[in-house]
């Protein structure tokens, strides 16, 4: 049986504001999701999108809140 921890995967992306590379944990038990998370460096809100298939992370997108 898979636990919630089994569905967590890490992704690295560049903040669309400051350009710094940040590492995020994504819950891959949800097939499609979009949420706002503050950059760990500049604290500005980024809109993150994630797609997972069968518990595996397929893609992650990031954009500014203004886009």
Protein backbone atom coordinates (compact mmCIF):
# COMPACT_ATOMS: atom_id res chain seq x y z
CA UNK A 1 0.00 0.00 0.00
CA UNK A 2 1.34 3.45 -0.95
CA UNK A 3 1.35 6.18 1.65
CA UNK A 4 1.08 9.93 1.12
CA UNK A 5 4.86 10.23 1.45
CA UNK A 6 5.25 7.89 -1.56
CA UNK A 7 3.47 10.44 -3.73
CA UNK A 8 5.74 13.38 -2.84
CA UNK A 9 8.31 14.22 -5.50
CA UNK A 10 10.73 17.11 -5.75
CA UNK A 11 10.97 19.52 -8.65
CA UNK A 12 13.44 22.32 -9.32
CA UNK A 13 12.31 25.47 -11.09
CA UNK A 14 13.43 29.03 -11.58
CA UNK A 15 11.43 31.79 -9.91
CA UNK A 16 9.81 33.96 -12.62
CA UNK A 17 10.59 37.06 -10.54
CA UNK A 18 14.13 36.74 -9.18
CA UNK A 19 15.42 33.89 -11.36
CA UNK A 20 16.74 31.83 -8.44
CA UNK A 21 16.39 28.04 -8.65
CA UNK A 22 14.10 26.69 -5.95
CA UNK A 23 13.17 23.15 -4.94
CA UNK A 24 9.54 22.24 -4.31
CA UNK A 25 7.76 19.12 -3.14
CA UNK A 26 4.80 18.17 -5.32
CA UNK A 27 1.98 15.86 -4.24
CA UNK A 28 1.63 13.47 -7.18
CA UNK A 29 -1.48 11.76 -5.81
CA UNK A 30 -3.40 14.56 -7.58
CA UNK A 31 -3.30 14.30 -11.39
CA UNK A 32 -3.65 18.03 -12.17
CA UNK A 33 -3.29 20.95 -9.82
CA UNK A 34 -2.60 24.65 -9.78
CA UNK A 35 -1.73 26.59 -6.65
CA UNK A 36 0.12 29.67 -5.42
CA UNK A 37 3.32 29.38 -3.45
CA UNK A 38 5.71 32.12 -2.39
CA UNK A 39 9.27 32.01 -3.70
CA UNK A 40 11.65 30.83 -0.99
CA UNK A 41 14.13 33.57 -1.97
CA UNK A 42 12.19 36.75 -2.89
CA UNK A 43 8.83 35.83 -1.26
CA UNK A 44 6.76 36.84 -4.30
CA UNK A 45 3.73 34.68 -5.20
CA UNK A 46 4.28 32.19 -8.04
CA UNK A 47 1.49 30.25 -9.73
CA UNK A 48 2.53 26.62 -9.99
CA UNK A 49 0.93 23.99 -12.16
CA UNK A 50 1.68 20.28 -11.87
CA UNK A 51 0.63 17.25 -13.87
CA UNK A 52 1.10 13.70 -12.59
CA UNK A 53 0.22 10.36 -14.14
CA UNK A 54 -0.14 7.26 -11.99
CA UNK A 55 1.65 8.99 -9.12
CA UNK A 56 4.62 10.13 -11.22
CA UNK A 57 5.35 13.81 -11.87
CA UNK A 58 5.11 14.54 -15.60
CA UNK A 59 5.45 18.34 -15.73
CA UNK A 60 5.62 21.43 -13.58
CA UNK A 61 5.03 24.98 -14.78
CA UNK A 62 5.61 28.28 -13.02
CA UNK A 63 4.45 31.78 -13.86
CA UNK A 64 3.96 35.15 -12.24
CA UNK A 65 0.64 35.95 -10.64
CA UNK A 66 0.13 38.66 -13.29
CA UNK A 67 0.30 36.32 -16.32
